[in-house]
PDB file of N, CA and C in Angstrom:
ATOM      1  N   MET A   1      -0.179 -17.933 -30.146  1.00  0.00           N
ATOM      2  CA  MET A   1      -1.513 -18.297 -29.896  1.00  0.00           C
ATOM      3  C   MET A   1      -1.951 -18.891 -28.203  1.00  0.00           C
ATOM      4  N   ILE A   2      -0.807 -19.323 -27.703  1.00  0.00           N
ATOM      5  CA  ILE A   2      -1.082 -19.773 -26.690  1.00  0.00           C
ATOM      6  C   ILE A   2      -0.730 -18.498 -25.525  1.00  0.00           C
ATOM      7  N   ILE A   3       0.023 -17.298 -25.829  1.00  0.00           N
ATOM      8  CA  ILE A   3       0.129 -16.448 -24.972  1.00  0.00           C
ATOM      9  C   ILE A   3      -0.986 -15.587 -25.207  1.00  0.00           C
ATOM     10  N   ARG A   4      -1.641 -15.223 -26.467  1.00  0.00           N
ATOM     11  CA  ARG A   4      -2.962 -14.736 -26.483  1.00  0.00           C
ATOM     12  C   ARG A   4      -4.067 -15.233 -25.650  1.00  0.00           C
ATOM     13  N   LYS A   5      -3.954 -16.647 -25.696  1.00  0.00           N
ATOM     14  CA  LYS A   5      -5.167 -17.242 -24.831  1.00  0.00           C
ATOM     15  C   LYS A   5      -4.798 -16.791 -23.481  1.00  0.00           C
ATOM     16  N   TRP A   6      -3.844 -16.956 -22.721  1.00  0.00           N
ATOM     17  CA  TRP A   6      -3.191 -16.718 -21.467  1.00  0.00           C
ATOM     18  C   TRP A   6      -3.760 -15.393 -21.107  1.00  0.00           C
ATOM     19  N   PHE A   7      -3.583 -14.474 -22.129  1.00  0.00           N
ATOM     20  CA  PHE A   7      -3.596 -13.041 -21.662  1.00  0.00           C
ATOM     21  C   PHE A   7      -5.460 -12.675 -21.545  1.00  0.00           C
ATOM     22  N   ARG A   8      -6.249 -13.562 -22.591  1.00  0.00           N
ATOM     23  CA  ARG A   8      -7.314 -13.336 -22.615  1.00  0.00           C
ATOM     24  C   ARG A   8      -8.094 -14.128 -21.181  1.00  0.00           C
ATOM     25  N   GLU A   9      -7.614 -15.224 -20.886  1.00  0.00           N
ATOM     26  CA  GLU A   9      -7.920 -15.705 -19.455  1.00  0.00           C
ATOM     27  C   GLU A   9      -7.580 -14.965 -18.316  1.00  0.00           C
ATOM     28  N   HIS A  10      -6.513 -14.198 -18.219  1.00  0.00           N
ATOM     29  CA  HIS A  10      -6.007 -13.525 -17.022  1.00  0.00           C
ATOM     30  C   HIS A  10      -5.925 -12.003 -16.980  1.00  0.00           C
ATOM     31  N   SER A  11      -6.553 -11.500 -18.108  1.00  0.00           N
ATOM     32  CA  SER A  11      -6.635  -9.881 -18.382  1.00  0.00           C
ATOM     33  C   SER A  11      -6.948  -9.420 -17.369  1.00  0.00           C
ATOM     34  N   LEU A  12      -8.363  -9.745 -16.617  1.00  0.00           N
ATOM     35  CA  LEU A  12      -8.773  -9.045 -15.363  1.00  0.00           C
ATOM     36  C   LEU A  12      -7.857  -8.852 -14.390  1.00  0.00           C
ATOM     37  N   SER A  13      -7.174 -10.104 -13.983  1.00  0.00           N
ATOM     38  CA  SER A  13      -6.063 -10.135 -12.954  1.00  0.00           C
ATOM     39  C   SER A  13      -5.044  -9.068 -13.196  1.00  0.00           C
ATOM     40  N   LEU A  14      -4.611  -9.073 -14.524  1.00  0.00           N
ATOM     41  CA  LEU A  14      -3.593  -8.208 -14.780  1.00  0.00           C
ATOM     42  C   LEU A  14      -3.998  -6.701 -14.790  1.00  0.00           C
ATOM     43  N   VAL A  15      -5.364  -6.335 -14.907  1.00  0.00           N
ATOM     44  CA  VAL A  15      -5.368  -5.006 -15.107  1.00  0.00           C
ATOM     45  C   VAL A  15      -5.644  -4.653 -13.526  1.00  0.00           C
ATOM     46  N   LEU A  16      -6.192  -5.575 -12.626  1.00  0.00           N
ATOM     47  CA  LEU A  16      -6.055  -5.136 -11.030  1.00  0.00           C
ATOM     48  C   LEU A  16      -4.752  -4.994 -10.634  1.00  0.00           C
ATOM     49  N   LEU A  17      -3.539  -5.850 -11.103  1.00  0.00           N
ATOM     50  CA  LEU A  17      -2.230  -5.569 -10.647  1.00  0.00           C
ATOM     51  C   LEU A  17      -1.681  -4.249 -11.131  1.00  0.00           C
ATOM     52  N   VAL A  18      -2.195  -3.761 -12.526  1.00  0.00           N
ATOM     53  CA  VAL A  18      -1.720  -2.425 -12.946  1.00  0.00           C
ATOM     54  C   VAL A  18      -2.299  -1.436 -12.006  1.00  0.00           C
ATOM     55  N   VAL A  19      -3.483  -1.626 -11.702  1.00  0.00           N
ATOM     56  CA  VAL A  19      -4.346  -0.504 -10.800  1.00  0.00           C
ATOM     57  C   VAL A  19      -3.763  -0.425  -9.510  1.00  0.00           C
ATOM     58  N   PHE A  20      -3.107  -1.581  -8.600  1.00  0.00           N
ATOM     59  CA  PHE A  20      -2.600  -1.746  -7.504  1.00  0.00           C
ATOM     60  C   PHE A  20      -1.283  -0.828  -7.632  1.00  0.00           C
ATOM     61  N   LEU A  21      -0.290  -1.091  -8.563  1.00  0.00           N
ATOM     62  CA  LEU A  21       0.754  -0.451  -8.867  1.00  0.00           C
ATOM     63  C   LEU A  21       0.667   1.063  -8.875  1.00  0.00           C
ATOM     64  N   ALA A  22      -0.242   1.346  -9.747  1.00  0.00           N
ATOM     65  CA  ALA A  22      -0.515   2.761 -10.059  1.00  0.00           C
ATOM     66  C   ALA A  22      -1.012   3.537  -8.769  1.00  0.00           C
ATOM     67  N   PHE A  23      -1.635   3.071  -8.316  1.00  0.00           N
ATOM     68  CA  PHE A  23      -2.051   3.082  -6.511  1.00  0.00           C
ATOM     69  C   PHE A  23      -1.119   3.400  -5.583  1.00  0.00           C
ATOM     70  N   LEU A  24      -0.198   2.306  -5.769  1.00  0.00           N
ATOM     71  CA  LEU A  24       0.891   2.381  -4.846  1.00  0.00           C
ATOM     72  C   LEU A  24       1.841   3.476  -5.134  1.00  0.00           C
ATOM     73  N   SER A  25       1.870   3.953  -6.536  1.00  0.00           N
ATOM     74  CA  SER A  25       3.225   4.765  -6.974  1.00  0.00           C
ATOM     75  C   SER A  25       2.457   6.072  -6.554  1.00  0.00           C
ATOM     76  N   ALA A  26       1.116   6.375  -6.609  1.00  0.00           N
ATOM     77  CA  ALA A  26       0.348   7.674  -6.491  1.00  0.00           C
ATOM     78  C   ALA A  26       0.698   7.965  -4.871  1.00  0.00           C
ATOM     79  N   TYR A  27       0.365   7.209  -3.985  1.00  0.00           N
ATOM     80  CA  TYR A  27       0.365   7.207  -2.761  1.00  0.00           C
ATOM     81  C   TYR A  27       2.189   7.617  -2.205  1.00  0.00           C
ATOM     82  N   ALA A  28       3.009   6.773  -2.708  1.00  0.00           N
ATOM     83  CA  ALA A  28       4.464   7.168  -2.525  1.00  0.00           C
ATOM     84  C   ALA A  28       4.796   8.418  -2.879  1.00  0.00           C
ATOM     85  N   THR A  29       4.217   8.831  -3.992  1.00  0.00           N
ATOM     86  CA  THR A  29       4.666  10.442  -4.583  1.00  0.00           C
ATOM     87  C   THR A  29       4.313  11.355  -3.542  1.00  0.00           C
ATOM     88  N   VAL A  30       2.951  11.157  -3.222  1.00  0.00           N
ATOM     89  CA  VAL A  30       2.358  12.227  -2.493  1.00  0.00           C
ATOM     90  C   VAL A  30       2.854  12.349  -1.058  1.00  0.00           C
ATOM     91  N   GLY A  31       3.273  11.254  -0.734  1.00  0.00           N
ATOM     92  CA  GLY A  31       3.862  11.031   0.921  1.00  0.00           C
ATOM     93  C   GLY A  31       2.683  10.846   1.954  1.00  0.00           C
ATOM     94  N   TRP A  32       1.539  10.083   1.678  1.00  0.00           N
ATOM     95  CA  TRP A  32       0.522   9.905   2.651  1.00  0.00           C
ATOM     96  C   TRP A  32       1.042   8.939   3.633  1.00  0.00           C
ATOM     97  N   LYS A  33       0.298   8.829   4.514  1.00  0.00           N
ATOM     98  CA  LYS A  33       0.828   7.734   5.915  1.00  0.00           C
ATOM     99  C   LYS A  33       0.350   6.201   5.124  1.00  0.00           C
ATOM    100  N   TRP A  34       1.459   5.358   5.511  1.00  0.00           N
ATOM    101  CA  TRP A  34       1.267   4.092   4.990  1.00  0.00           C
ATOM    102  C   TRP A  34      -0.122   3.554   5.657  1.00  0.00           C
ATOM    103  N   ASP A  35      -0.607   3.810   6.906  1.00  0.00           N
ATOM    104  CA  ASP A  35      -1.828   3.253   7.484  1.00  0.00           C
ATOM    105  C   ASP A  35      -2.919   3.390   6.527  1.00  0.00           C
ATOM    106  N   ASP A  36      -3.123   4.661   6.161  1.00  0.00           N
ATOM    107  CA  ASP A  36      -3.967   5.058   5.395  1.00  0.00           C
ATOM    108  C   ASP A  36      -4.004   4.419   4.045  1.00  0.00           C
ATOM    109  N   PHE A  37      -2.722   4.110   3.398  1.00  0.00           N
ATOM    110  CA  PHE A  37      -2.785   3.559   2.125  1.00  0.00           C
ATOM    111  C   PHE A  37      -3.064   2.210   2.191  1.00  0.00           C
ATOM    112  N   TRP A  38      -2.731   1.377   3.370  1.00  0.00           N
ATOM    113  CA  TRP A  38      -2.924  -0.224   3.505  1.00  0.00           C
ATOM    114  C   TRP A  38      -4.559  -0.245   3.805  1.00  0.00           C
ATOM    115  N   LEU A  39      -5.130   0.628   4.393  1.00  0.00           N
ATOM    116  CA  LEU A  39      -6.470   0.544   4.862  1.00  0.00           C
ATOM    117  C   LEU A  39      -7.414   0.637   3.447  1.00  0.00           C
ATOM    118  N   ASN A  40      -6.970   1.758   2.703  1.00  0.00           N
ATOM    119  CA  ASN A  40      -7.620   1.836   1.279  1.00  0.00           C
ATOM    120  C   ASN A  40      -7.432   0.678   0.259  1.00  0.00           C
ATOM    121  N   MET A  41      -5.958  -0.031   0.390  1.00  0.00           N
ATOM    122  CA  MET A  41      -5.851  -0.737  -0.518  1.00  0.00           C
ATOM    123  C   MET A  41      -6.242  -1.965  -0.262  1.00  0.00           C
ATOM    124  N   ALA A  42      -6.617  -2.241   1.104  1.00  0.00           N
ATOM    125  CA  ALA A  42      -7.260  -3.605   1.631  1.00  0.00           C
ATOM    126  C   ALA A  42      -9.025  -3.380   1.020  1.00  0.00           C
ATOM    127  N   ALA A  43      -9.431  -2.492   1.221  1.00  0.00           N
ATOM    128  CA  ALA A  43     -10.784  -2.132   0.517  1.00  0.00           C
ATOM    129  C   ALA A  43     -10.631  -2.205  -0.986  1.00  0.00           C
ATOM    130  N   ASP A  44     -10.062  -1.856  -1.821  1.00  0.00           N
ATOM    131  CA  ASP A  44      -9.986  -1.816  -3.075  1.00  0.00           C
ATOM    132  C   ASP A  44      -9.477  -3.152  -3.405  1.00  0.00           C
ATOM    133  N   THR A  45      -8.744  -3.852  -2.828  1.00  0.00           N
ATOM    134  CA  THR A  45      -8.264  -4.946  -3.359  1.00  0.00           C
ATOM    135  C   THR A  45      -9.640  -6.226  -3.057  1.00  0.00           C
ATOM    136  N   TYR A  46     -10.274  -6.126  -1.756  1.00  0.00           N
ATOM    137  CA  TYR A  46     -11.221  -6.985  -1.774  1.00  0.00           C
ATOM    138  C   TYR A  46     -12.484  -6.749  -2.897  1.00  0.00           C
ATOM    139  N   GLY A  47     -12.481  -5.527  -3.120  1.00  0.00           N
ATOM    140  CA  GLY A  47     -13.654  -4.935  -3.937  1.00  0.00           C
ATOM    141  C   GLY A  47     -13.305  -5.678  -5.442  1.00  0.00           C
ATOM    142  N   GLY A  48     -11.950  -5.455  -5.642  1.00  0.00           N
ATOM    143  CA  GLY A  48     -11.427  -6.109  -7.026  1.00  0.00           C
ATOM    144  C   GLY A  48     -11.667  -7.654  -6.974  1.00  0.00           C
ATOM    145  N   LEU A  49     -11.319  -8.274  -5.789  1.00  0.00           N
ATOM    146  CA  LEU A  49     -11.671  -9.610  -5.750  1.00  0.00           C
ATOM    147  C   LEU A  49     -13.131 -10.064  -6.056  1.00  0.00           C
ATOM    148  N   VAL A  50     -13.848  -9.319  -6.033  1.00  0.00           N
ATOM    149  CA  VAL A  50     -15.372  -9.802  -5.736  1.00  0.00           C
ATOM    150  C   VAL A  50     -15.718  -9.445  -7.003  1.00  0.00           C
ATOM    151  N   ILE A  51     -15.166  -8.447  -7.839  1.00  0.00           N
ATOM    152  CA  ILE A  51     -15.711  -8.045  -9.165  1.00  0.00           C
ATOM    153  C   ILE A  51     -14.875  -9.304 -10.195  1.00  0.00           C
ATOM    154  N   VAL A  52     -13.599  -9.588  -9.938  1.00  0.00           N
ATOM    155  CA  VAL A  52     -13.168 -10.712 -10.604  1.00  0.00           C
ATOM    156  C   VAL A  52     -13.976 -11.923 -10.467  1.00  0.00           C
ATOM    157  N   PHE A  53     -14.137 -12.547  -9.005  1.00  0.00           N
ATOM    158  CA  PHE A  53     -14.981 -13.880  -8.944  1.00  0.00           C
ATOM    159  C   PHE A  53     -16.268 -13.807  -9.375  1.00  0.00           C
ATOM    160  N   ALA A  54     -16.752 -12.776  -9.329  1.00  0.00           N
ATOM    161  CA  ALA A  54     -18.117 -12.602  -9.923  1.00  0.00           C
ATOM    162  C   ALA A  54     -18.420 -12.725 -11.408  1.00  0.00           C
ATOM    163  N   THR A  55     -17.056 -11.986 -11.993  1.00  0.00           N
ATOM    164  CA  THR A  55     -17.038 -11.879 -13.384  1.00  0.00           C
ATOM    165  C   THR A  55     -16.796 -13.414 -14.010  1.00  0.00           C
ATOM    166  N   LYS A  56     -15.729 -13.910 -13.410  1.00  0.00           N
ATOM    167  CA  LYS A  56     -15.505 -15.187 -13.830  1.00  0.00           C
ATOM    168  C   LYS A  56     -16.776 -16.267 -13.697  1.00  0.00           C
ATOM    169  N   TYR A  57     -17.577 -16.143 -12.482  1.00  0.00           N
ATOM    170  CA  TYR A  57     -18.474 -17.051 -12.501  1.00  0.00           C
ATOM    171  C   TYR A  57     -19.762 -16.808 -13.328  1.00  0.00           C
ATOM    172  N   PHE A  58     -20.232 -15.410 -13.764  1.00  0.00           N
ATOM    173  CA  PHE A  58     -21.106 -15.331 -14.776  1.00  0.00           C
ATOM    174  C   PHE A  58     -20.566 -15.450 -16.309  1.00  0.00           C
ATOM    175  N   TYR A  59     -19.258 -15.371 -16.408  1.00  0.00           N
ATOM    176  CA  TYR A  59     -18.491 -15.707 -17.739  1.00  0.00           C
ATOM    177  C   TYR A  59     -18.736 -17.032 -18.074  1.00  0.00           C
ATOM    178  N   GLU A  60     -18.281 -17.972 -16.925  1.00  0.00           N
ATOM    179  CA  GLU A  60     -18.246 -19.380 -17.206  1.00  0.00           C
ATOM    180  C   GLU A  60     -19.688 -20.423 -16.959  1.00  0.00           C
ATOM    181  N   ARG A  61     -20.428 -19.492 -16.443  1.00  0.00           N
ATOM    182  CA  ARG A  61     -21.729 -19.972 -16.098  1.00  0.00           C
ATOM    183  C   ARG A  61     -22.516 -20.704 -17.125  1.00  0.00           C
ATOM    184  N   GLY A  62     -22.563 -19.921 -18.379  1.00  0.00           N
ATOM    185  CA  GLY A  62     -23.205 -20.737 -19.321  1.00  0.00           C
ATOM    186  C   GLY A  62     -22.538 -21.241 -20.469  1.00  0.00           C
ATOM    187  N   SER A  63     -21.297 -21.459 -19.946  1.00  0.00           N
ATOM    188  CA  SER A  63     -19.969 -22.187 -20.972  1.00  0.00           C
ATOM    189  C   SER A  63     -20.682 -23.744 -21.143  1.00  0.00           C
ATOM    190  N   PRO A  64     -20.261 -24.394 -22.057  1.00  0.00           N
ATOM    191  CA  PRO A  64     -20.552 -25.658 -22.228  1.00  0.00           C
ATOM    192  C   PRO A  64     -19.642 -26.560 -21.201  1.00  0.00           C
ATOM    193  N   GLU A  65     -18.353 -26.052 -20.855  1.00  0.00           N
ATOM    194  CA  GLU A  65     -17.485 -26.818 -19.885  1.00  0.00           C
ATOM    195  C   GLU A  65     -18.184 -27.125 -18.502  1.00  0.00           C
ATOM    196  N   SER A  66     -19.169 -25.952 -18.255  1.00  0.00           N
ATOM    197  CA  SER A  66     -19.905 -26.048 -16.967  1.00  0.00           C
ATOM    198  C   SER A  66     -21.167 -27.017 -16.673  1.00  0.00           C
ATOM    199  N   LYS A  67     -21.390 -27.515 -17.899  1.00  0.00           N
ATOM    200  CA  LYS A  67     -22.405 -28.518 -17.970  1.00  0.00           C
ATOM    201  C   LYS A  67     -22.070 -29.887 -17.819  1.00  0.00           C
TER     202      LYS A  67
END
């Protein structure tokens, strides 16, 4: 029960971690330059963080705990 609650609370972060690892492995197999990788990864990471924080804000905004 505790594990299920933890996964529910952190599922968006876990999905972003999986996307990061998939992105890293795709760049490693293709053999692109690392400078390109880090520039793209920085943009994707910041975009992902904005999505995470916005989702958490709007999800928790109407909750009874926020009042």
